[in-house]
Every structure is written in C-alpha cells, then in structure tokens.
Amino acid sequence: MKILCYKIEHYSIRLYGNDQKGGRTRWGDKVILLTSKGRVIGQAVFAREGAKSPEAYRSGDKIYFFAPSSQYSVVMELLRRPEPVYLNWEAVNDPKEKDDGDAFFSTEPLDGL
C-alpha cells in the first residue's frame, strides 16, 4: 500500500488540565499540532494517565496519531532532532473496517512506497 508522508516543519504544543464539562472528561491532555508548508497536517494526541487512546485515523489530508502518555517524551525527542521527521499514514486493507490504517513517525521520507 502507498504511504502518505508529510515532512514536519513546525509543531506547537497544547497541555490541558483536567477538564470536566457535564459528564465528559478530556481523555487526552497533551496535543501536538503538526504543520508542513504553512498548514496543519495532523495531530499527535496523548491519553491522560489511565485513559485509553482511540485508534489513529485520517480525515481528508490530516493524520491523527493517538498514543498513551508514556509515548509523549519519545515523540518530543524525535521532533527536537535537527534532522527531518515525517508523519505518515499507511492504509490497511481490512474488510471489517473501512479506511483503516496506521499513523506513525519516521526519520526518513516513506512516500510512494
């Protein structure tokens, strides 16, 4: 399957406190907005301790990477590297789940594979 690959040129971080509105509690407390060529290409969202993160998905040309909070420091290490980092989406052929796929980071461009 072909991989959609974006070079991450900039990122911004949002750290949320415990936010309860009505019966809803925010499950993700760390969000990294990822941009390339002046536009948002995706988000990396990290689950609050004890919360379960949903599966990654793609919406249009944006990639949503979800992970437990334990992976936040690893992703930040990657983004702080002087070398380029890429956000990728690889579609998975799953007859039970339309538009299934994997979101992941890489240290080399993987587009066109």
N, C-alpha and C. Protein backbone atom coordinates (compact mmCIF):
# COMPACT_ATOMS: atom_id res chain seq x y z
N MET A 1 0.83 -1.18 0.00
CA MET A 1 0.00 0.00 0.00
C MET A 1 0.88 1.25 0.00
N LYS A 2 0.41 2.27 -0.64
CA LYS A 2 1.12 3.53 -0.68
C LYS A 2 1.02 4.23 0.67
N ILE A 3 2.11 4.92 1.04
CA ILE A 3 2.16 5.64 2.31
C ILE A 3 2.06 7.13 2.04
N LEU A 4 1.16 7.80 2.74
CA LEU A 4 1.06 9.25 2.71
C LEU A 4 2.09 9.77 3.71
N CYS A 5 2.98 10.66 3.27
CA CYS A 5 4.10 11.09 4.10
C CYS A 5 4.22 12.61 4.06
N TYR A 6 4.29 13.24 5.24
CA TYR A 6 4.48 14.68 5.35
C TYR A 6 5.75 14.97 6.15
N LYS A 7 6.56 15.88 5.66
CA LYS A 7 7.70 16.36 6.43
C LYS A 7 7.17 17.36 7.45
N ILE A 8 7.48 17.15 8.71
CA ILE A 8 7.04 18.06 9.77
C ILE A 8 8.00 19.24 9.81
N GLU A 9 7.47 20.43 9.54
CA GLU A 9 8.31 21.62 9.52
C GLU A 9 8.18 22.45 10.80
N HIS A 10 7.08 22.29 11.49
CA HIS A 10 6.84 23.07 12.72
C HIS A 10 5.85 22.30 13.58
N TYR A 11 5.92 22.51 14.86
CA TYR A 11 4.94 21.92 15.77
C TYR A 11 4.65 22.89 16.90
N SER A 12 3.47 22.78 17.46
CA SER A 12 3.11 23.56 18.65
C SER A 12 2.43 22.61 19.64
N ILE A 13 2.63 22.90 20.90
CA ILE A 13 2.18 22.00 21.97
C ILE A 13 1.05 22.63 22.76
N ARG A 14 0.06 21.83 23.09
CA ARG A 14 -1.03 22.23 23.98
C ARG A 14 -1.09 21.22 25.13
N LEU A 15 -1.01 21.72 26.34
CA LEU A 15 -1.13 20.88 27.53
C LEU A 15 -2.40 21.29 28.25
N TYR A 16 -3.29 20.34 28.46
CA TYR A 16 -4.59 20.62 29.06
C TYR A 16 -4.64 20.14 30.50
N GLY A 17 -5.31 20.91 31.34
CA GLY A 17 -5.60 20.46 32.69
C GLY A 17 -6.83 19.56 32.67
N ASN A 18 -7.22 19.04 33.81
CA ASN A 18 -8.41 18.19 33.88
C ASN A 18 -9.62 19.04 33.55
N ASP A 19 -10.34 18.69 32.52
CA ASP A 19 -11.45 19.48 32.02
C ASP A 19 -12.72 18.64 32.08
N GLN A 20 -13.60 18.97 32.99
CA GLN A 20 -14.86 18.25 33.09
C GLN A 20 -16.00 19.21 32.76
N LYS A 21 -16.73 18.86 31.74
CA LYS A 21 -17.90 19.64 31.32
C LYS A 21 -19.07 18.69 31.30
N GLY A 22 -20.00 18.90 32.20
CA GLY A 22 -21.11 17.96 32.31
C GLY A 22 -20.56 16.61 32.72
N GLY A 23 -20.85 15.57 31.96
CA GLY A 23 -20.37 14.23 32.29
C GLY A 23 -19.12 13.84 31.51
N ARG A 24 -18.56 14.81 30.77
CA ARG A 24 -17.43 14.50 29.89
C ARG A 24 -16.09 14.85 30.55
N THR A 25 -15.12 13.97 30.44
CA THR A 25 -13.77 14.23 30.91
C THR A 25 -12.84 14.12 29.71
N ARG A 26 -11.93 15.08 29.55
CA ARG A 26 -10.97 15.06 28.44
C ARG A 26 -10.05 13.86 28.61
N TRP A 27 -9.98 12.97 27.62
CA TRP A 27 -9.12 11.78 27.74
C TRP A 27 -7.68 12.10 27.33
N GLY A 28 -7.48 13.08 26.45
CA GLY A 28 -6.13 13.44 26.01
C GLY A 28 -5.71 14.76 26.63
N ASP A 29 -4.59 14.78 27.33
CA ASP A 29 -4.18 16.03 27.98
C ASP A 29 -2.95 16.68 27.33
N LYS A 30 -2.34 16.01 26.35
CA LYS A 30 -1.19 16.56 25.62
C LYS A 30 -1.48 16.44 24.13
N VAL A 31 -1.43 17.58 23.42
CA VAL A 31 -1.70 17.60 21.98
C VAL A 31 -0.57 18.34 21.29
N ILE A 32 -0.02 17.73 20.25
CA ILE A 32 1.00 18.37 19.44
C ILE A 32 0.39 18.60 18.06
N LEU A 33 0.26 19.88 17.67
CA LEU A 33 -0.21 20.22 16.33
C LEU A 33 0.99 20.21 15.39
N LEU A 34 0.88 19.53 14.28
CA LEU A 34 1.99 19.34 13.34
C LEU A 34 1.69 20.07 12.04
N THR A 35 2.64 20.86 11.55
CA THR A 35 2.42 21.62 10.33
C THR A 35 3.52 21.37 9.30
N SER A 36 3.15 21.58 8.05
CA SER A 36 4.06 21.49 6.93
C SER A 36 3.59 22.46 5.86
N LYS A 37 4.51 23.21 5.30
CA LYS A 37 4.19 24.19 4.25
C LYS A 37 3.08 25.14 4.69
N GLY A 38 3.11 25.53 5.97
CA GLY A 38 2.18 26.52 6.49
C GLY A 38 0.78 26.02 6.80
N ARG A 39 0.56 24.70 6.76
CA ARG A 39 -0.78 24.19 7.09
C ARG A 39 -0.69 23.02 8.05
N VAL A 40 -1.74 22.85 8.82
CA VAL A 40 -1.79 21.73 9.77
C VAL A 40 -1.94 20.44 8.98
N ILE A 41 -1.04 19.48 9.26
CA ILE A 41 -1.08 18.18 8.57
C ILE A 41 -1.57 17.07 9.50
N GLY A 42 -1.61 17.36 10.80
CA GLY A 42 -2.06 16.34 11.73
C GLY A 42 -1.87 16.74 13.17
N GLN A 43 -2.23 15.81 14.03
CA GLN A 43 -2.09 15.99 15.47
C GLN A 43 -1.58 14.70 16.08
N ALA A 44 -0.79 14.87 17.12
CA ALA A 44 -0.41 13.74 17.96
C ALA A 44 -1.07 14.01 19.31
N VAL A 45 -1.95 13.11 19.73
CA VAL A 45 -2.71 13.30 20.97
C VAL A 45 -2.36 12.17 21.92
N PHE A 46 -2.05 12.54 23.16
CA PHE A 46 -1.60 11.57 24.15
C PHE A 46 -2.60 11.48 25.29
N ALA A 47 -3.00 10.25 25.60
CA ALA A 47 -4.04 9.98 26.59
C ALA A 47 -3.57 10.34 27.99
N ARG A 48 -4.48 10.87 28.75
CA ARG A 48 -4.25 11.14 30.17
C ARG A 48 -3.94 9.82 30.86
N GLU A 49 -3.15 9.84 31.91
CA GLU A 49 -2.83 8.62 32.66
C GLU A 49 -4.12 7.86 32.99
N GLY A 50 -4.13 6.58 32.69
CA GLY A 50 -5.28 5.73 32.99
C GLY A 50 -6.36 5.74 31.92
N ALA A 51 -6.27 6.65 30.95
CA ALA A 51 -7.27 6.70 29.88
C ALA A 51 -6.78 5.89 28.69
N LYS A 52 -7.71 5.32 27.96
CA LYS A 52 -7.38 4.53 26.77
C LYS A 52 -7.49 5.42 25.54
N SER A 53 -6.46 5.40 24.70
CA SER A 53 -6.49 6.22 23.50
C SER A 53 -7.21 5.49 22.37
N PRO A 54 -7.89 6.24 21.50
CA PRO A 54 -8.57 5.62 20.35
C PRO A 54 -7.56 5.23 19.27
N GLU A 55 -8.05 4.61 18.23
CA GLU A 55 -7.20 4.23 17.09
C GLU A 55 -6.90 5.47 16.24
N ALA A 56 -5.76 5.44 15.60
CA ALA A 56 -5.39 6.50 14.67
C ALA A 56 -6.40 6.55 13.52
N TYR A 57 -6.54 7.72 12.93
CA TYR A 57 -7.38 7.83 11.74
C TYR A 57 -6.90 8.97 10.86
N ARG A 58 -7.42 8.99 9.66
CA ARG A 58 -7.12 10.03 8.70
C ARG A 58 -8.42 10.68 8.29
N SER A 59 -8.42 11.99 8.24
CA SER A 59 -9.59 12.74 7.80
C SER A 59 -9.14 13.71 6.72
N GLY A 60 -9.53 13.42 5.48
CA GLY A 60 -9.07 14.23 4.36
C GLY A 60 -7.56 14.12 4.24
N ASP A 61 -6.87 15.26 4.36
CA ASP A 61 -5.41 15.25 4.26
C ASP A 61 -4.73 15.39 5.62
N LYS A 62 -5.46 15.20 6.71
CA LYS A 62 -4.89 15.29 8.06
C LYS A 62 -4.80 13.91 8.70
N ILE A 63 -3.71 13.71 9.44
CA ILE A 63 -3.45 12.43 10.11
C ILE A 63 -3.54 12.65 11.62
N TYR A 64 -4.26 11.76 12.30
CA TYR A 64 -4.44 11.85 13.75
C TYR A 64 -3.79 10.63 14.41
N PHE A 65 -2.71 10.89 15.13
CA PHE A 65 -1.93 9.88 15.82
C PHE A 65 -2.33 9.92 17.29
N PHE A 66 -2.79 8.82 17.84
CA PHE A 66 -3.18 8.74 19.25
C PHE A 66 -2.29 7.73 19.96
N ALA A 67 -1.88 8.05 21.18
CA ALA A 67 -0.98 7.17 21.91
C ALA A 67 -1.12 7.39 23.41
N PRO A 68 -0.64 6.43 24.21
CA PRO A 68 -0.63 6.65 25.66
C PRO A 68 0.38 7.75 26.02
N SER A 69 0.19 8.37 27.16
CA SER A 69 1.07 9.47 27.57
C SER A 69 2.52 9.03 27.72
N SER A 70 2.75 7.75 27.92
CA SER A 70 4.12 7.24 28.05
C SER A 70 4.93 7.45 26.77
N GLN A 71 4.28 7.66 25.63
CA GLN A 71 5.00 7.86 24.37
C GLN A 71 5.27 9.34 24.07
N TYR A 72 4.73 10.24 24.89
CA TYR A 72 4.89 11.68 24.65
C TYR A 72 6.37 12.07 24.60
N SER A 73 7.17 11.65 25.55
CA SER A 73 8.59 12.06 25.59
C SER A 73 9.36 11.51 24.40
N VAL A 74 9.01 10.34 23.92
CA VAL A 74 9.68 9.76 22.75
C VAL A 74 9.38 10.59 21.51
N VAL A 75 8.12 10.97 21.33
CA VAL A 75 7.75 11.79 20.17
C VAL A 75 8.43 13.16 20.27
N MET A 76 8.46 13.75 21.46
CA MET A 76 9.13 15.05 21.62
C MET A 76 10.62 14.94 21.29
N GLU A 77 11.26 13.86 21.68
CA GLU A 77 12.67 13.64 21.32
C GLU A 77 12.86 13.65 19.81
N LEU A 78 11.97 12.94 19.12
CA LEU A 78 12.04 12.92 17.65
C LEU A 78 11.89 14.32 17.06
N LEU A 79 10.90 15.06 17.54
CA LEU A 79 10.62 16.38 16.97
C LEU A 79 11.74 17.38 17.25
N ARG A 80 12.49 17.19 18.30
CA ARG A 80 13.58 18.11 18.64
C ARG A 80 14.86 17.82 17.87
N ARG A 81 14.90 16.74 17.13
CA ARG A 81 16.09 16.39 16.34
C ARG A 81 16.37 17.48 15.30
N PRO A 82 17.65 17.70 14.99
CA PRO A 82 17.95 18.65 13.91
C PRO A 82 17.61 18.08 12.53
N GLU A 83 17.59 16.75 12.41
CA GLU A 83 17.25 16.12 11.14
C GLU A 83 15.72 16.09 10.97
N PRO A 84 15.26 15.99 9.72
CA PRO A 84 13.81 15.96 9.47
C PRO A 84 13.11 14.76 10.11
N VAL A 85 11.85 14.98 10.46
CA VAL A 85 10.96 13.94 10.97
C VAL A 85 9.70 14.00 10.12
N TYR A 86 9.11 12.84 9.88
CA TYR A 86 7.95 12.74 8.99
C TYR A 86 6.77 12.11 9.71
N LEU A 87 5.57 12.58 9.39
CA LEU A 87 4.32 11.98 9.85
C LEU A 87 3.75 11.19 8.68
N ASN A 88 3.38 9.94 8.94
CA ASN A 88 2.96 9.04 7.87
C ASN A 88 1.61 8.40 8.15
N TRP A 89 0.93 8.03 7.08
CA TRP A 89 -0.29 7.25 7.14
C TRP A 89 -0.16 6.12 6.14
N GLU A 90 -0.35 4.89 6.63
CA GLU A 90 -0.34 3.73 5.75
C GLU A 90 -1.70 3.06 5.84
N ALA A 91 -2.41 3.03 4.73
CA ALA A 91 -3.73 2.39 4.70
C ALA A 91 -3.57 0.89 4.90
N VAL A 92 -4.54 0.31 5.59
CA VAL A 92 -4.56 -1.13 5.85
C VAL A 92 -5.82 -1.69 5.22
N ASN A 93 -5.69 -2.76 4.46
CA ASN A 93 -6.84 -3.38 3.82
C ASN A 93 -7.53 -4.28 4.84
N ASP A 94 -8.59 -3.77 5.44
CA ASP A 94 -9.34 -4.50 6.47
C ASP A 94 -10.82 -4.51 6.06
N PRO A 95 -11.36 -5.66 5.66
CA PRO A 95 -12.75 -5.69 5.21
C PRO A 95 -13.75 -5.34 6.32
N LYS A 96 -13.34 -5.45 7.57
CA LYS A 96 -14.24 -5.13 8.68
C LYS A 96 -14.23 -3.65 9.03
N GLU A 97 -13.21 -2.93 8.59
CA GLU A 97 -13.08 -1.52 8.98
C GLU A 97 -12.67 -0.67 7.79
N LYS A 98 -13.62 0.08 7.25
CA LYS A 98 -13.35 0.94 6.10
C LYS A 98 -12.37 2.04 6.51
N ASP A 99 -11.48 2.41 5.63
CA ASP A 99 -10.49 3.48 5.85
C ASP A 99 -9.56 3.22 7.02
N ASP A 100 -9.29 1.95 7.32
CA ASP A 100 -8.39 1.60 8.41
C ASP A 100 -6.95 1.91 8.00
N GLY A 101 -6.11 2.20 8.97
CA GLY A 101 -4.71 2.47 8.68
C GLY A 101 -3.90 2.72 9.93
N ASP A 102 -2.64 2.98 9.73
CA ASP A 102 -1.71 3.25 10.82
C ASP A 102 -1.09 4.62 10.63
N ALA A 103 -1.02 5.38 11.71
CA ALA A 103 -0.29 6.64 11.74
C ALA A 103 1.00 6.40 12.49
N PHE A 104 2.11 6.94 11.96
CA PHE A 104 3.40 6.75 12.63
C PHE A 104 4.39 7.81 12.20
N PHE A 105 5.44 7.96 12.99
CA PHE A 105 6.53 8.89 12.71
C PHE A 105 7.69 8.11 12.11
N SER A 106 8.49 8.80 11.27
CA SER A 106 9.70 8.18 10.73
C SER A 106 10.78 9.25 10.60
N THR A 107 12.00 8.79 10.46
CA THR A 107 13.13 9.70 10.32
C THR A 107 13.63 9.77 8.88
N GLU A 108 12.87 9.18 7.98
CA GLU A 108 13.18 9.29 6.55
C GLU A 108 11.86 9.32 5.79
N PRO A 109 11.82 9.95 4.62
CA PRO A 109 10.56 10.01 3.86
C PRO A 109 10.19 8.64 3.32
N LEU A 110 8.93 8.28 3.47
CA LEU A 110 8.46 6.96 3.04
C LEU A 110 7.39 7.05 1.96
N ASP A 111 7.11 8.24 1.46
CA ASP A 111 6.05 8.39 0.47
C ASP A 111 6.39 7.64 -0.81
N GLY A 112 5.35 7.17 -1.43
CA GLY A 112 5.50 6.44 -2.69
C GLY A 112 5.82 4.97 -2.54
N LEU A 113 5.96 4.47 -1.32
CA LEU A 113 6.27 3.06 -1.12
C LEU A 113 5.03 2.20 -1.28
